[in-house]
Amino acid sequence: MTASHRLSILTRAEIDELYALPRFTDEDRHTYFELGNAEQQLLRARTLPVALHLVLQLGVPLIFVQISG
């Protein structure tokens, strides 16, 4: 291995932990991705395309959203 002149602040494990995909538990998913009552009411009052756009704007993954049409 050759010597590097670059500054190393984080270890490889720390870099991997920082940039790896998050691992959510069921409780985490509920906390971070479930829509509140106000958001659900907004979705019900809109057409499906508008509701989907609203969900994307809120940053909620579609897999966790149930839109009754």
N, C-alpha and C. Protein backbone atom coordinates (compact mmCIF):
# COMPACT_ATOMS: atom_id res chain seq x y z
N MET A 1 0.86 -1.18 0.00
CA MET A 1 0.00 0.00 0.00
C MET A 1 0.90 1.24 0.00
N THR A 2 0.56 2.19 -0.81
CA THR A 2 1.36 3.40 -0.90
C THR A 2 0.90 4.42 0.12
N ALA A 3 1.83 5.25 0.55
CA ALA A 3 1.49 6.31 1.51
C ALA A 3 0.71 7.40 0.79
N SER A 4 -0.33 7.89 1.45
CA SER A 4 -1.18 8.93 0.87
C SER A 4 -0.89 10.26 1.54
N HIS A 5 -0.91 11.30 0.75
CA HIS A 5 -0.71 12.64 1.29
C HIS A 5 -2.03 13.31 1.64
N ARG A 6 -3.10 12.54 1.58
CA ARG A 6 -4.42 13.09 1.89
C ARG A 6 -4.71 12.94 3.37
N LEU A 7 -5.43 13.88 3.90
CA LEU A 7 -5.83 13.86 5.30
C LEU A 7 -6.97 12.86 5.49
N SER A 8 -6.86 12.00 6.45
CA SER A 8 -7.90 11.01 6.75
C SER A 8 -8.55 11.38 8.08
N ILE A 9 -9.79 11.81 8.00
CA ILE A 9 -10.50 12.21 9.21
C ILE A 9 -11.35 11.07 9.74
N LEU A 10 -12.03 10.37 8.82
CA LEU A 10 -12.90 9.26 9.20
C LEU A 10 -12.29 7.94 8.78
N THR A 11 -12.56 6.90 9.57
CA THR A 11 -12.14 5.56 9.19
C THR A 11 -13.08 5.04 8.11
N ARG A 12 -12.70 3.97 7.45
CA ARG A 12 -13.55 3.37 6.42
C ARG A 12 -14.89 2.95 7.01
N ALA A 13 -14.89 2.40 8.21
CA ALA A 13 -16.14 1.98 8.86
C ALA A 13 -17.04 3.18 9.14
N GLU A 14 -16.46 4.30 9.56
CA GLU A 14 -17.24 5.51 9.82
C GLU A 14 -17.83 6.08 8.53
N ILE A 15 -17.06 6.03 7.46
CA ILE A 15 -17.57 6.50 6.17
C ILE A 15 -18.72 5.62 5.70
N ASP A 16 -18.56 4.31 5.83
CA ASP A 16 -19.62 3.38 5.44
C ASP A 16 -20.89 3.61 6.26
N GLU A 17 -20.73 3.83 7.56
CA GLU A 17 -21.88 4.06 8.43
C GLU A 17 -22.59 5.37 8.07
N LEU A 18 -21.82 6.38 7.73
CA LEU A 18 -22.37 7.69 7.41
C LEU A 18 -23.16 7.67 6.09
N TYR A 19 -22.64 6.97 5.08
CA TYR A 19 -23.23 7.00 3.75
C TYR A 19 -24.05 5.77 3.38
N ALA A 20 -24.13 4.80 4.25
CA ALA A 20 -24.91 3.59 3.96
C ALA A 20 -26.41 3.92 4.01
N LEU A 21 -27.19 3.08 3.37
CA LEU A 21 -28.64 3.24 3.42
C LEU A 21 -29.11 3.06 4.86
N PRO A 22 -30.07 3.85 5.30
CA PRO A 22 -30.56 3.72 6.67
C PRO A 22 -31.34 2.42 6.85
N ARG A 23 -31.32 1.91 8.04
CA ARG A 23 -32.08 0.70 8.38
C ARG A 23 -33.17 1.12 9.37
N PHE A 24 -34.40 1.13 8.89
CA PHE A 24 -35.52 1.55 9.72
C PHE A 24 -36.23 0.36 10.32
N THR A 25 -36.56 0.47 11.60
CA THR A 25 -37.43 -0.51 12.23
C THR A 25 -38.87 -0.15 11.89
N ASP A 26 -39.80 -1.01 12.24
CA ASP A 26 -41.21 -0.70 12.00
C ASP A 26 -41.62 0.57 12.74
N GLU A 27 -41.10 0.74 13.95
CA GLU A 27 -41.41 1.95 14.74
C GLU A 27 -40.83 3.19 14.06
N ASP A 28 -39.61 3.10 13.54
CA ASP A 28 -39.00 4.22 12.83
C ASP A 28 -39.84 4.59 11.60
N ARG A 29 -40.28 3.59 10.86
CA ARG A 29 -41.09 3.85 9.67
C ARG A 29 -42.37 4.59 10.05
N HIS A 30 -42.97 4.16 11.13
CA HIS A 30 -44.19 4.82 11.59
C HIS A 30 -43.90 6.27 11.99
N THR A 31 -42.82 6.48 12.68
CA THR A 31 -42.47 7.82 13.15
C THR A 31 -42.14 8.77 12.01
N TYR A 32 -41.35 8.31 11.06
CA TYR A 32 -40.83 9.21 10.03
C TYR A 32 -41.66 9.28 8.75
N PHE A 33 -42.45 8.25 8.46
CA PHE A 33 -43.09 8.19 7.15
C PHE A 33 -44.61 8.20 7.15
N GLU A 34 -45.23 8.10 8.31
CA GLU A 34 -46.69 8.10 8.33
C GLU A 34 -47.21 9.53 8.24
N LEU A 35 -48.26 9.69 7.46
CA LEU A 35 -48.86 11.02 7.32
C LEU A 35 -49.75 11.31 8.52
N GLY A 36 -49.73 12.55 8.94
CA GLY A 36 -50.59 12.98 10.03
C GLY A 36 -52.01 13.21 9.53
N ASN A 37 -52.90 13.53 10.43
CA ASN A 37 -54.31 13.74 10.06
C ASN A 37 -54.48 14.89 9.08
N ALA A 38 -53.75 15.97 9.27
CA ALA A 38 -53.87 17.12 8.37
C ALA A 38 -53.45 16.75 6.95
N GLU A 39 -52.35 16.00 6.82
CA GLU A 39 -51.89 15.59 5.49
C GLU A 39 -52.87 14.62 4.85
N GLN A 40 -53.42 13.70 5.64
CA GLN A 40 -54.39 12.74 5.10
C GLN A 40 -55.65 13.45 4.60
N GLN A 41 -56.09 14.46 5.32
CA GLN A 41 -57.26 15.22 4.88
C GLN A 41 -56.97 15.96 3.58
N LEU A 42 -55.78 16.51 3.45
CA LEU A 42 -55.39 17.18 2.20
C LEU A 42 -55.42 16.20 1.02
N LEU A 43 -54.92 14.99 1.25
CA LEU A 43 -54.90 14.00 0.18
C LEU A 43 -56.30 13.60 -0.25
N ARG A 44 -57.19 13.43 0.71
CA ARG A 44 -58.56 13.01 0.38
C ARG A 44 -59.30 14.07 -0.43
N ALA A 45 -58.91 15.32 -0.27
CA ALA A 45 -59.61 16.41 -0.95
C ALA A 45 -59.07 16.66 -2.35
N ARG A 46 -58.09 15.88 -2.80
CA ARG A 46 -57.44 16.11 -4.08
C ARG A 46 -57.65 14.93 -5.02
N THR A 47 -57.38 15.17 -6.30
CA THR A 47 -57.39 14.08 -7.27
C THR A 47 -56.13 13.24 -7.05
N LEU A 48 -56.10 12.05 -7.60
CA LEU A 48 -54.97 11.16 -7.39
C LEU A 48 -53.64 11.77 -7.86
N PRO A 49 -53.56 12.34 -9.07
CA PRO A 49 -52.27 12.93 -9.48
C PRO A 49 -51.80 14.06 -8.55
N VAL A 50 -52.72 14.87 -8.10
CA VAL A 50 -52.36 15.97 -7.19
C VAL A 50 -51.94 15.40 -5.83
N ALA A 51 -52.64 14.37 -5.37
CA ALA A 51 -52.29 13.76 -4.09
C ALA A 51 -50.90 13.13 -4.15
N LEU A 52 -50.58 12.46 -5.26
CA LEU A 52 -49.26 11.86 -5.40
C LEU A 52 -48.16 12.94 -5.42
N HIS A 53 -48.43 14.02 -6.11
CA HIS A 53 -47.46 15.12 -6.14
C HIS A 53 -47.27 15.71 -4.74
N LEU A 54 -48.35 15.84 -4.00
CA LEU A 54 -48.26 16.36 -2.64
C LEU A 54 -47.41 15.44 -1.77
N VAL A 55 -47.61 14.14 -1.90
CA VAL A 55 -46.82 13.19 -1.12
C VAL A 55 -45.34 13.32 -1.47
N LEU A 56 -45.04 13.46 -2.76
CA LEU A 56 -43.64 13.62 -3.17
C LEU A 56 -43.06 14.91 -2.61
N GLN A 57 -43.86 15.97 -2.58
CA GLN A 57 -43.38 17.23 -2.03
C GLN A 57 -43.13 17.12 -0.53
N LEU A 58 -43.91 16.30 0.15
CA LEU A 58 -43.72 16.10 1.58
C LEU A 58 -42.51 15.21 1.87
N GLY A 59 -42.06 14.49 0.85
CA GLY A 59 -40.91 13.62 1.04
C GLY A 59 -41.26 12.28 1.64
N VAL A 60 -42.48 11.87 1.53
CA VAL A 60 -42.92 10.59 2.09
C VAL A 60 -42.89 9.54 0.98
N PRO A 61 -42.16 8.44 1.17
CA PRO A 61 -42.15 7.41 0.14
C PRO A 61 -43.55 6.86 -0.10
N LEU A 62 -43.86 6.62 -1.36
CA LEU A 62 -45.20 6.19 -1.74
C LEU A 62 -45.56 4.83 -1.17
N ILE A 63 -44.58 4.01 -0.88
CA ILE A 63 -44.87 2.67 -0.38
C ILE A 63 -45.59 2.72 0.98
N PHE A 64 -45.42 3.80 1.73
CA PHE A 64 -46.02 3.91 3.04
C PHE A 64 -47.33 4.69 3.03
N VAL A 65 -47.78 5.11 1.87
CA VAL A 65 -48.96 5.92 1.79
C VAL A 65 -50.09 5.12 1.15
N GLN A 66 -51.23 5.14 1.79
CA GLN A 66 -52.41 4.48 1.23
C GLN A 66 -53.41 5.55 0.88
N ILE A 67 -53.65 5.69 -0.42
CA ILE A 67 -54.59 6.70 -0.87
C ILE A 67 -55.85 6.00 -1.32
N SER A 68 -56.92 6.25 -0.62
CA SER A 68 -58.18 5.63 -1.02
C SER A 68 -58.82 6.50 -2.08
N GLY A 69 -59.20 5.90 -3.17
CA GLY A 69 -59.72 6.68 -4.28
C GLY A 69 -61.09 6.36 -4.50
